[in-house]
């Protein structure tokens, strides 16, 4: 595994752990100020929005189980897709979901940071 790919794989682990424990300090370090992230409700969130969900307890994870992770590198950018079984609560409503995350990492002066992403619910194909 190339060094940059190993770095991204490690950052994905750090991000998952920070999400699981609402570790806002680590999330703040990993997320770029210009983050643009589309959630599975179709909302586009920025960094402040994402951090607030963890700070105020609106979003809580009790399980984040990754599978099917792929990493593609292009210069100072990395694209990650990962399937994630998520269990937790949003606004005190419990969820148990199978999601696909797509994340974009960029290597800049602060090192690798998350600059964009998207979440989709995984559903069975008809037929």
N, C-alpha and C. Protein backbone atom coordinates (compact mmCIF):
# COMPACT_ATOMS: atom_id res chain seq x y z
N UNK A 1 0.86 -1.17 0.00
CA UNK A 1 0.00 0.00 0.00
C UNK A 1 0.91 1.24 0.00
N UNK A 2 0.71 2.16 -0.96
CA UNK A 2 1.50 3.40 -0.97
C UNK A 2 1.31 4.20 0.32
N UNK A 3 2.31 5.02 0.66
CA UNK A 3 2.27 5.76 1.92
C UNK A 3 1.04 6.65 2.04
N UNK A 4 0.71 7.40 0.98
CA UNK A 4 -0.45 8.30 1.04
C UNK A 4 -1.74 7.51 1.26
N UNK A 5 -1.84 6.35 0.64
CA UNK A 5 -3.04 5.53 0.82
C UNK A 5 -3.13 5.03 2.26
N UNK A 6 -1.99 4.65 2.83
CA UNK A 6 -1.96 4.22 4.23
C UNK A 6 -2.34 5.37 5.16
N UNK A 7 -1.89 6.59 4.82
CA UNK A 7 -2.24 7.77 5.63
C UNK A 7 -3.75 7.99 5.61
N UNK A 8 -4.35 7.90 4.43
CA UNK A 8 -5.81 8.10 4.31
C UNK A 8 -6.55 7.00 5.07
N UNK A 9 -6.09 5.76 4.96
CA UNK A 9 -6.74 4.66 5.69
C UNK A 9 -6.69 4.93 7.19
N UNK A 10 -5.57 5.43 7.68
CA UNK A 10 -5.44 5.76 9.11
C UNK A 10 -6.35 6.93 9.48
N UNK A 11 -6.43 7.94 8.62
CA UNK A 11 -7.31 9.09 8.89
C UNK A 11 -8.78 8.66 8.92
N UNK A 12 -9.15 7.72 8.08
CA UNK A 12 -10.51 7.20 8.10
C UNK A 12 -10.82 6.53 9.44
N UNK A 13 -9.84 5.82 9.99
CA UNK A 13 -10.02 5.20 11.31
C UNK A 13 -10.16 6.28 12.38
N UNK A 14 -9.30 7.31 12.31
CA UNK A 14 -9.38 8.41 13.28
C UNK A 14 -10.73 9.12 13.18
N UNK A 15 -11.19 9.35 11.96
CA UNK A 15 -12.48 10.01 11.75
C UNK A 15 -13.62 9.18 12.33
N UNK A 16 -13.60 7.89 12.06
CA UNK A 16 -14.64 7.00 12.57
C UNK A 16 -14.64 6.99 14.10
N UNK A 17 -13.46 6.90 14.71
CA UNK A 17 -13.38 6.92 16.18
C UNK A 17 -13.88 8.25 16.74
N UNK A 18 -13.54 9.35 16.08
CA UNK A 18 -13.99 10.67 16.54
C UNK A 18 -15.51 10.79 16.42
N UNK A 19 -16.08 10.27 15.34
CA UNK A 19 -17.53 10.29 15.18
C UNK A 19 -18.20 9.45 16.26
N UNK A 20 -17.64 8.29 16.52
CA UNK A 20 -18.21 7.36 17.50
C UNK A 20 -18.21 7.95 18.91
N UNK A 21 -17.20 8.73 19.23
CA UNK A 21 -17.07 9.28 20.59
C UNK A 21 -17.39 10.78 20.66
N UNK A 22 -17.93 11.35 19.57
CA UNK A 22 -18.20 12.79 19.49
C UNK A 22 -16.99 13.59 19.97
N UNK A 23 -15.82 13.20 19.49
CA UNK A 23 -14.55 13.86 19.82
C UNK A 23 -14.40 15.08 18.91
N UNK A 24 -14.96 16.19 19.36
CA UNK A 24 -15.03 17.40 18.54
C UNK A 24 -13.64 17.96 18.24
N UNK A 25 -12.69 17.84 19.15
CA UNK A 25 -11.33 18.33 18.91
C UNK A 25 -10.69 17.59 17.73
N UNK A 26 -10.85 16.29 17.69
CA UNK A 26 -10.29 15.52 16.57
C UNK A 26 -11.05 15.81 15.29
N UNK A 27 -12.37 15.89 15.36
CA UNK A 27 -13.15 16.24 14.18
C UNK A 27 -12.73 17.60 13.64
N UNK A 28 -12.51 18.56 14.52
CA UNK A 28 -12.09 19.90 14.12
C UNK A 28 -10.76 19.85 13.38
N UNK A 29 -9.85 19.00 13.82
CA UNK A 29 -8.53 18.86 13.18
C UNK A 29 -8.65 18.18 11.82
N UNK A 30 -9.51 17.19 11.71
CA UNK A 30 -9.62 16.41 10.48
C UNK A 30 -10.46 17.08 9.39
N UNK A 31 -11.37 17.95 9.78
CA UNK A 31 -12.29 18.57 8.82
C UNK A 31 -11.78 19.95 8.42
N UNK A 32 -11.71 20.18 7.11
CA UNK A 32 -11.27 21.48 6.58
C UNK A 32 -12.35 22.54 6.82
N UNK A 33 -11.93 23.80 6.98
CA UNK A 33 -12.90 24.88 7.20
C UNK A 33 -13.95 24.98 6.09
N UNK A 34 -13.57 24.63 4.87
CA UNK A 34 -14.47 24.78 3.72
C UNK A 34 -15.31 23.53 3.43
N UNK A 35 -15.41 22.61 4.38
CA UNK A 35 -16.16 21.37 4.18
C UNK A 35 -17.52 21.62 3.52
N UNK A 36 -17.83 20.78 2.52
CA UNK A 36 -19.15 20.76 1.91
C UNK A 36 -19.58 19.29 1.89
N UNK A 37 -20.59 18.94 2.70
CA UNK A 37 -20.98 17.54 2.89
C UNK A 37 -22.49 17.42 2.73
N UNK A 38 -22.92 16.54 1.84
CA UNK A 38 -24.35 16.29 1.65
C UNK A 38 -24.75 15.07 2.46
N UNK A 39 -25.67 15.27 3.39
CA UNK A 39 -26.09 14.14 4.23
C UNK A 39 -27.20 13.35 3.54
N UNK A 40 -27.65 12.26 4.17
CA UNK A 40 -28.65 11.39 3.56
C UNK A 40 -30.06 11.98 3.57
N UNK A 41 -30.21 13.18 4.17
CA UNK A 41 -31.47 13.92 4.08
C UNK A 41 -31.44 14.91 2.92
N UNK A 42 -30.29 15.01 2.24
CA UNK A 42 -30.13 15.94 1.13
C UNK A 42 -29.65 17.32 1.54
N UNK A 43 -29.36 17.51 2.81
CA UNK A 43 -28.88 18.81 3.28
C UNK A 43 -27.38 18.94 3.02
N UNK A 44 -26.96 20.13 2.66
CA UNK A 44 -25.54 20.42 2.50
C UNK A 44 -25.06 21.08 3.79
N UNK A 45 -24.10 20.42 4.45
CA UNK A 45 -23.59 20.89 5.73
C UNK A 45 -22.17 21.39 5.60
N UNK A 46 -21.85 22.40 6.40
CA UNK A 46 -20.48 22.89 6.51
C UNK A 46 -19.84 22.34 7.78
N UNK A 47 -18.61 22.74 8.00
CA UNK A 47 -17.88 22.26 9.17
C UNK A 47 -18.59 22.61 10.47
N UNK A 48 -19.03 23.86 10.61
CA UNK A 48 -19.70 24.29 11.85
C UNK A 48 -20.97 23.46 12.09
N UNK A 49 -21.71 23.17 11.02
CA UNK A 49 -22.93 22.35 11.15
C UNK A 49 -22.58 20.96 11.67
N UNK A 50 -21.55 20.36 11.07
CA UNK A 50 -21.16 19.01 11.45
C UNK A 50 -20.69 18.95 12.90
N UNK A 51 -19.85 19.89 13.28
CA UNK A 51 -19.35 19.90 14.66
C UNK A 51 -20.48 20.14 15.65
N UNK A 52 -21.44 21.00 15.29
CA UNK A 52 -22.56 21.29 16.19
C UNK A 52 -23.40 20.05 16.47
N UNK A 53 -23.58 19.19 15.47
CA UNK A 53 -24.35 17.96 15.67
C UNK A 53 -23.74 17.10 16.77
N UNK A 54 -22.40 17.11 16.85
CA UNK A 54 -21.71 16.33 17.87
C UNK A 54 -21.66 17.08 19.20
N UNK A 55 -21.45 18.40 19.14
CA UNK A 55 -21.36 19.21 20.37
C UNK A 55 -22.66 19.18 21.17
N UNK A 56 -23.78 19.33 20.47
CA UNK A 56 -25.06 19.44 21.18
C UNK A 56 -25.77 18.09 21.37
N UNK A 57 -25.14 17.01 20.92
CA UNK A 57 -25.72 15.68 21.14
C UNK A 57 -26.84 15.30 20.19
N UNK A 58 -27.08 16.11 19.16
CA UNK A 58 -28.13 15.77 18.20
C UNK A 58 -27.83 14.45 17.50
N UNK A 59 -26.55 14.25 17.17
CA UNK A 59 -26.12 13.03 16.49
C UNK A 59 -25.21 12.23 17.42
N UNK A 60 -25.60 10.98 17.67
CA UNK A 60 -24.81 10.09 18.52
C UNK A 60 -24.71 8.73 17.86
N UNK A 61 -23.50 8.23 17.78
CA UNK A 61 -23.27 6.90 17.22
C UNK A 61 -22.92 5.94 18.34
N UNK A 62 -23.49 4.73 18.29
CA UNK A 62 -23.07 3.67 19.21
C UNK A 62 -22.31 2.58 18.46
N UNK A 63 -22.50 2.53 17.14
CA UNK A 63 -21.74 1.59 16.30
C UNK A 63 -21.47 2.21 14.94
N UNK A 64 -20.25 2.02 14.46
CA UNK A 64 -19.87 2.37 13.09
C UNK A 64 -19.01 1.22 12.59
N UNK A 65 -19.57 0.39 11.73
CA UNK A 65 -18.87 -0.81 11.27
C UNK A 65 -18.61 -0.67 9.76
N UNK A 66 -17.35 -0.43 9.38
CA UNK A 66 -17.04 -0.22 7.97
C UNK A 66 -16.82 -1.54 7.22
N UNK A 67 -17.07 -1.48 5.91
CA UNK A 67 -16.74 -2.58 5.00
C UNK A 67 -16.63 -1.99 3.60
N UNK A 68 -16.10 -2.77 2.69
CA UNK A 68 -16.03 -2.38 1.27
C UNK A 68 -15.35 -1.02 1.07
N UNK A 69 -14.31 -0.73 1.82
CA UNK A 69 -13.63 0.56 1.67
C UNK A 69 -12.70 0.53 0.46
N UNK A 70 -12.76 1.60 -0.33
CA UNK A 70 -11.86 1.78 -1.47
C UNK A 70 -11.27 3.18 -1.38
N UNK A 71 -9.99 3.31 -1.71
CA UNK A 71 -9.30 4.60 -1.68
C UNK A 71 -8.67 4.82 -3.04
N UNK A 72 -8.90 5.99 -3.64
CA UNK A 72 -8.29 6.36 -4.91
C UNK A 72 -7.54 7.67 -4.70
N UNK A 73 -6.27 7.69 -5.06
CA UNK A 73 -5.44 8.88 -4.90
C UNK A 73 -5.23 9.57 -6.23
N UNK A 74 -5.25 10.90 -6.21
CA UNK A 74 -4.95 11.72 -7.37
C UNK A 74 -4.20 12.95 -6.88
N UNK A 75 -2.88 12.91 -6.90
CA UNK A 75 -2.07 14.03 -6.44
C UNK A 75 -2.33 14.31 -4.97
N UNK A 76 -2.77 15.53 -4.69
CA UNK A 76 -3.04 15.94 -3.31
C UNK A 76 -4.51 15.74 -2.93
N UNK A 77 -5.18 14.86 -3.64
CA UNK A 77 -6.59 14.55 -3.33
C UNK A 77 -6.76 13.04 -3.20
N UNK A 78 -7.69 12.66 -2.35
CA UNK A 78 -8.02 11.24 -2.18
C UNK A 78 -9.53 11.11 -2.12
N UNK A 79 -10.04 10.12 -2.82
CA UNK A 79 -11.46 9.81 -2.81
C UNK A 79 -11.64 8.48 -2.09
N UNK A 80 -12.53 8.48 -1.11
CA UNK A 80 -12.79 7.27 -0.33
C UNK A 80 -14.26 6.93 -0.45
N UNK A 81 -14.55 5.67 -0.68
CA UNK A 81 -15.92 5.19 -0.57
C UNK A 81 -15.90 4.03 0.41
N UNK A 82 -16.87 4.02 1.30
CA UNK A 82 -16.93 2.99 2.32
C UNK A 82 -18.39 2.72 2.69
N UNK A 83 -18.71 1.45 2.81
CA UNK A 83 -20.03 1.06 3.31
C UNK A 83 -19.94 1.08 4.83
N UNK A 84 -20.97 1.61 5.49
CA UNK A 84 -20.92 1.74 6.95
C UNK A 84 -22.26 1.32 7.55
N UNK A 85 -22.19 0.32 8.42
CA UNK A 85 -23.37 -0.02 9.22
C UNK A 85 -23.35 0.93 10.42
N UNK A 86 -24.39 1.76 10.55
CA UNK A 86 -24.43 2.77 11.60
C UNK A 86 -25.59 2.52 12.54
N UNK A 87 -25.32 2.65 13.82
CA UNK A 87 -26.35 2.54 14.85
C UNK A 87 -26.16 3.72 15.78
N UNK A 88 -27.26 4.38 16.12
CA UNK A 88 -27.17 5.52 17.01
C UNK A 88 -28.50 6.23 17.11
N UNK A 89 -28.43 7.55 17.31
CA UNK A 89 -29.65 8.35 17.38
C UNK A 89 -29.41 9.71 16.74
N UNK A 90 -30.48 10.23 16.15
CA UNK A 90 -30.47 11.58 15.58
C UNK A 90 -31.68 12.29 16.16
N UNK A 91 -31.44 13.39 16.87
CA UNK A 91 -32.51 14.13 17.54
C UNK A 91 -33.34 13.18 18.41
N UNK A 92 -32.66 12.32 19.14
CA UNK A 92 -33.25 11.34 20.06
C UNK A 92 -34.06 10.23 19.38
N UNK A 93 -34.06 10.19 18.04
CA UNK A 93 -34.73 9.10 17.32
C UNK A 93 -33.68 8.06 16.95
N UNK A 94 -33.87 6.81 17.38
CA UNK A 94 -32.87 5.78 17.09
C UNK A 94 -32.82 5.44 15.60
N UNK A 95 -31.64 5.05 15.14
CA UNK A 95 -31.49 4.57 13.77
C UNK A 95 -30.54 3.38 13.76
N UNK A 96 -30.73 2.55 12.76
CA UNK A 96 -29.88 1.39 12.48
C UNK A 96 -29.86 1.31 10.96
N UNK A 97 -28.80 1.84 10.35
CA UNK A 97 -28.79 2.07 8.91
C UNK A 97 -27.56 1.48 8.24
N UNK A 98 -27.74 1.12 6.99
CA UNK A 98 -26.65 0.69 6.13
C UNK A 98 -26.44 1.82 5.13
N UNK A 99 -25.30 2.49 5.22
CA UNK A 99 -25.04 3.68 4.42
C UNK A 99 -23.78 3.53 3.59
N UNK A 100 -23.69 4.33 2.53
CA UNK A 100 -22.47 4.42 1.73
C UNK A 100 -21.97 5.86 1.86
N UNK A 101 -20.76 6.00 2.38
CA UNK A 101 -20.11 7.30 2.49
C UNK A 101 -19.14 7.47 1.34
N UNK A 102 -19.13 8.62 0.73
CA UNK A 102 -18.09 9.02 -0.21
C UNK A 102 -17.45 10.26 0.40
N UNK A 103 -16.12 10.23 0.55
CA UNK A 103 -15.43 11.36 1.18
C UNK A 103 -14.27 11.80 0.32
N UNK A 104 -14.02 13.11 0.33
CA UNK A 104 -12.92 13.70 -0.41
C UNK A 104 -11.95 14.32 0.59
N UNK A 105 -10.72 13.86 0.55
CA UNK A 105 -9.64 14.39 1.39
C UNK A 105 -8.71 15.21 0.51
N UNK A 106 -8.17 16.29 1.06
CA UNK A 106 -7.21 17.13 0.34
C UNK A 106 -5.99 17.35 1.22
N UNK A 107 -4.81 17.24 0.62
CA UNK A 107 -3.57 17.50 1.35
C UNK A 107 -3.14 18.94 1.08
N UNK A 108 -3.20 19.77 2.14
CA UNK A 108 -2.81 21.16 2.04
C UNK A 108 -1.81 21.50 3.13
N UNK A 109 -1.68 22.80 3.45
CA UNK A 109 -0.72 23.22 4.48
C UNK A 109 -0.96 22.58 5.85
N UNK A 110 -2.22 22.24 6.16
CA UNK A 110 -2.54 21.62 7.45
C UNK A 110 -2.48 20.09 7.37
N UNK A 111 -1.98 19.55 6.25
CA UNK A 111 -1.96 18.10 6.05
C UNK A 111 -3.25 17.65 5.40
N UNK A 112 -3.55 16.36 5.49
CA UNK A 112 -4.78 15.82 4.92
C UNK A 112 -5.98 16.27 5.75
N UNK A 113 -6.99 16.84 5.06
CA UNK A 113 -8.24 17.21 5.72
C UNK A 113 -9.42 16.84 4.83
N UNK A 114 -10.53 16.58 5.47
CA UNK A 114 -11.76 16.25 4.77
C UNK A 114 -12.37 17.53 4.21
N UNK A 115 -12.59 17.58 2.88
CA UNK A 115 -13.14 18.79 2.26
C UNK A 115 -14.54 18.58 1.71
N UNK A 116 -14.95 17.34 1.50
CA UNK A 116 -16.27 17.11 0.94
C UNK A 116 -16.71 15.67 1.10
N UNK A 117 -18.00 15.47 0.89
CA UNK A 117 -18.50 14.11 0.98
C UNK A 117 -20.00 14.03 0.76
N UNK A 118 -20.47 12.80 0.79
CA UNK A 118 -21.88 12.52 0.54
C UNK A 118 -22.24 11.20 1.22
N UNK A 119 -23.46 11.10 1.71
CA UNK A 119 -23.96 9.85 2.30
C UNK A 119 -25.21 9.43 1.53
N UNK A 120 -25.29 8.15 1.22
CA UNK A 120 -26.50 7.59 0.60
C UNK A 120 -26.92 6.36 1.38
N UNK A 121 -28.22 6.18 1.51
CA UNK A 121 -28.75 4.96 2.12
C UNK A 121 -28.65 3.83 1.11
N UNK A 122 -28.20 2.67 1.56
CA UNK A 122 -28.11 1.50 0.69
C UNK A 122 -29.46 0.78 0.73
N UNK A 123 -30.01 0.57 -0.45
CA UNK A 123 -31.30 -0.09 -0.57
C UNK A 123 -31.19 -1.28 -1.51
N UNK A 124 -32.08 -2.21 -1.38
CA UNK A 124 -32.13 -3.36 -2.27
C UNK A 124 -32.60 -2.91 -3.65
N UNK A 125 -31.95 -3.41 -4.69
CA UNK A 125 -32.41 -3.13 -6.04
C UNK A 125 -33.72 -3.85 -6.29
N UNK A 126 -34.65 -3.20 -7.02
CA UNK A 126 -35.92 -3.87 -7.31
C UNK A 126 -35.68 -5.09 -8.21
N UNK A 127 -36.56 -6.07 -8.05
CA UNK A 127 -36.52 -7.24 -8.91
C UNK A 127 -35.79 -8.32 -8.33
